[in-house]
Amino acid sequence: MERPIGIIVSEPRPLAGQGSRSSGNFSTKWFGGAQRMLVEVTVDGQVDETITFSIAEDRSGNDPVKARNVHNNTELEYIESNSLYICETKCPTNKNFTVTIKPYVN
């Protein structure tokens, strides 16, 4: 099994004092070499098809959104950054959820 690029636990709503951020920062930069990424979203260990979110990069000033409408089984171009986070979350289950980002292999 391929080692994941990242495993992130996200809140179902924005963190206290944040406009849309629902997770802490995570890094994909250490992985290197991936061309594409595949996203898996789970709640309590079960795949969830109802949650959607965006991935933004934490920067000074405005934070650019790198991917929108991300959900389970979304395939993305590899995003290399030390400061990504989950935002703009739509989570009908209203539970914390886990995002596992894996290298995509054809």
Protein backbone atom coordinates (compact mmCIF):
# COMPACT_ATOMS: atom_id res chain seq x y z
CA MET A 1 0.00 0.00 0.00
CA GLU A 2 1.27 3.47 -0.93
CA ARG A 3 2.10 5.80 1.94
CA PRO A 4 -0.46 8.66 2.21
CA ILE A 5 0.61 12.21 1.43
CA GLY A 6 -1.45 13.52 4.33
CA ILE A 7 -4.11 12.60 6.89
CA ILE A 8 -6.07 15.57 8.21
CA VAL A 9 -8.86 15.70 10.79
CA SER A 10 -11.27 18.57 10.14
CA GLU A 11 -14.09 20.13 12.10
CA PRO A 12 -17.53 20.18 10.42
CA ARG A 13 -17.65 23.99 10.74
CA PRO A 14 -15.16 26.87 10.94
CA LEU A 15 -12.76 26.90 13.88
CA ALA A 16 -13.38 29.50 16.58
CA GLY A 17 -12.45 32.95 15.32
CA GLN A 18 -12.05 31.79 11.70
CA GLY A 19 -14.20 32.75 8.73
CA SER A 20 -14.09 29.44 6.86
CA ARG A 21 -11.03 27.45 8.06
CA SER A 22 -12.02 24.12 9.63
CA SER A 23 -8.61 22.42 10.08
CA GLY A 24 -5.09 23.19 11.15
CA ASN A 25 -2.33 23.50 8.55
CA PHE A 26 -0.92 20.43 6.86
CA SER A 27 1.97 19.85 4.46
CA THR A 28 2.29 17.96 1.21
CA LYS A 29 5.74 19.34 0.42
CA TRP A 30 7.68 16.59 2.18
CA PHE A 31 6.17 13.95 -0.15
CA GLY A 32 7.53 15.20 -3.48
CA GLY A 33 7.31 13.36 -6.77
CA ALA A 34 3.54 12.86 -6.91
CA GLN A 35 1.82 14.16 -10.02
CA ARG A 36 -1.75 13.72 -8.86
CA MET A 37 -3.53 13.17 -5.56
CA LEU A 38 -6.65 11.18 -4.67
CA VAL A 39 -8.84 12.31 -1.75
CA GLU A 40 -10.65 9.96 0.62
CA VAL A 41 -13.18 11.37 3.13
CA THR A 42 -14.32 9.32 6.11
CA VAL A 43 -16.46 9.83 9.21
CA ASP A 44 -16.01 7.35 12.06
CA GLY A 45 -13.97 5.14 9.72
CA GLN A 46 -16.66 4.95 7.02
CA VAL A 47 -16.41 6.59 3.58
CA ASP A 48 -18.64 9.67 3.38
CA GLU A 49 -19.94 10.90 0.01
CA THR A 50 -21.87 13.93 1.39
CA ILE A 51 -19.05 16.17 2.69
CA THR A 52 -17.53 18.82 0.41
CA PHE A 53 -14.80 21.37 1.13
CA SER A 54 -12.06 23.50 -0.38
CA ILE A 55 -8.29 23.41 0.18
CA ALA A 56 -6.56 26.76 0.67
CA GLU A 57 -2.97 27.83 1.29
CA ASP A 58 -2.18 29.84 4.43
CA ARG A 59 -0.36 32.98 3.31
CA SER A 60 0.16 36.48 4.61
CA GLY A 61 -2.82 38.52 3.38
CA ASN A 62 -5.39 36.69 1.26
CA ASP A 63 -5.20 32.90 1.28
CA PRO A 64 -5.51 31.45 -2.24
CA VAL A 65 -7.92 28.54 -2.69
CA LYS A 66 -6.06 25.72 -4.44
CA ALA A 67 -9.01 23.33 -4.93
CA ARG A 68 -12.79 23.76 -4.65
CA ASN A 69 -15.68 21.30 -4.36
CA VAL A 70 -13.41 18.55 -3.06
CA HIS A 71 -15.17 15.38 -1.88
CA ASN A 72 -14.53 11.67 -1.53
CA ASN A 73 -12.74 10.22 -4.57
CA THR A 74 -11.73 13.64 -5.98
CA GLU A 75 -8.61 13.49 -8.11
CA LEU A 76 -6.44 16.63 -7.89
CA GLU A 77 -3.25 17.92 -9.43
CA TYR A 78 -0.45 17.62 -6.88
CA ILE A 79 -0.41 20.72 -4.65
CA GLU A 80 3.01 21.26 -3.09
CA SER A 81 2.86 23.41 0.06
CA ASN A 82 3.82 23.46 3.73
CA SER A 83 0.70 25.38 4.76
CA LEU A 84 -2.55 23.99 3.34
CA TYR A 85 -5.82 23.78 5.24
CA ILE A 86 -9.44 22.63 4.84
CA CYS A 87 -12.04 25.40 4.46
CA GLU A 88 -15.51 26.20 3.08
CA THR A 89 -16.76 22.94 4.58
CA LYS A 90 -20.24 21.56 3.95
CA CYS A 91 -20.74 18.67 6.36
CA PRO A 92 -24.31 17.35 6.72
CA THR A 93 -23.23 14.82 9.39
CA ASN A 94 -22.02 17.68 11.63
CA LYS A 95 -19.17 15.42 12.84
CA ASN A 96 -15.41 15.72 12.58
CA PHE A 97 -14.18 14.03 9.43
CA THR A 98 -10.87 12.66 8.19
CA VAL A 99 -9.35 13.58 4.85
CA THR A 100 -6.71 11.16 3.55
CA ILE A 101 -4.71 12.40 0.58
CA LYS A 102 -3.03 9.63 -1.38
CA PRO A 103 -0.74 9.65 -4.39
CA TYR A 104 -2.85 8.82 -7.44
CA VAL A 105 -1.56 5.94 -9.50
CA ASN A 106 -3.09 5.09 -12.91
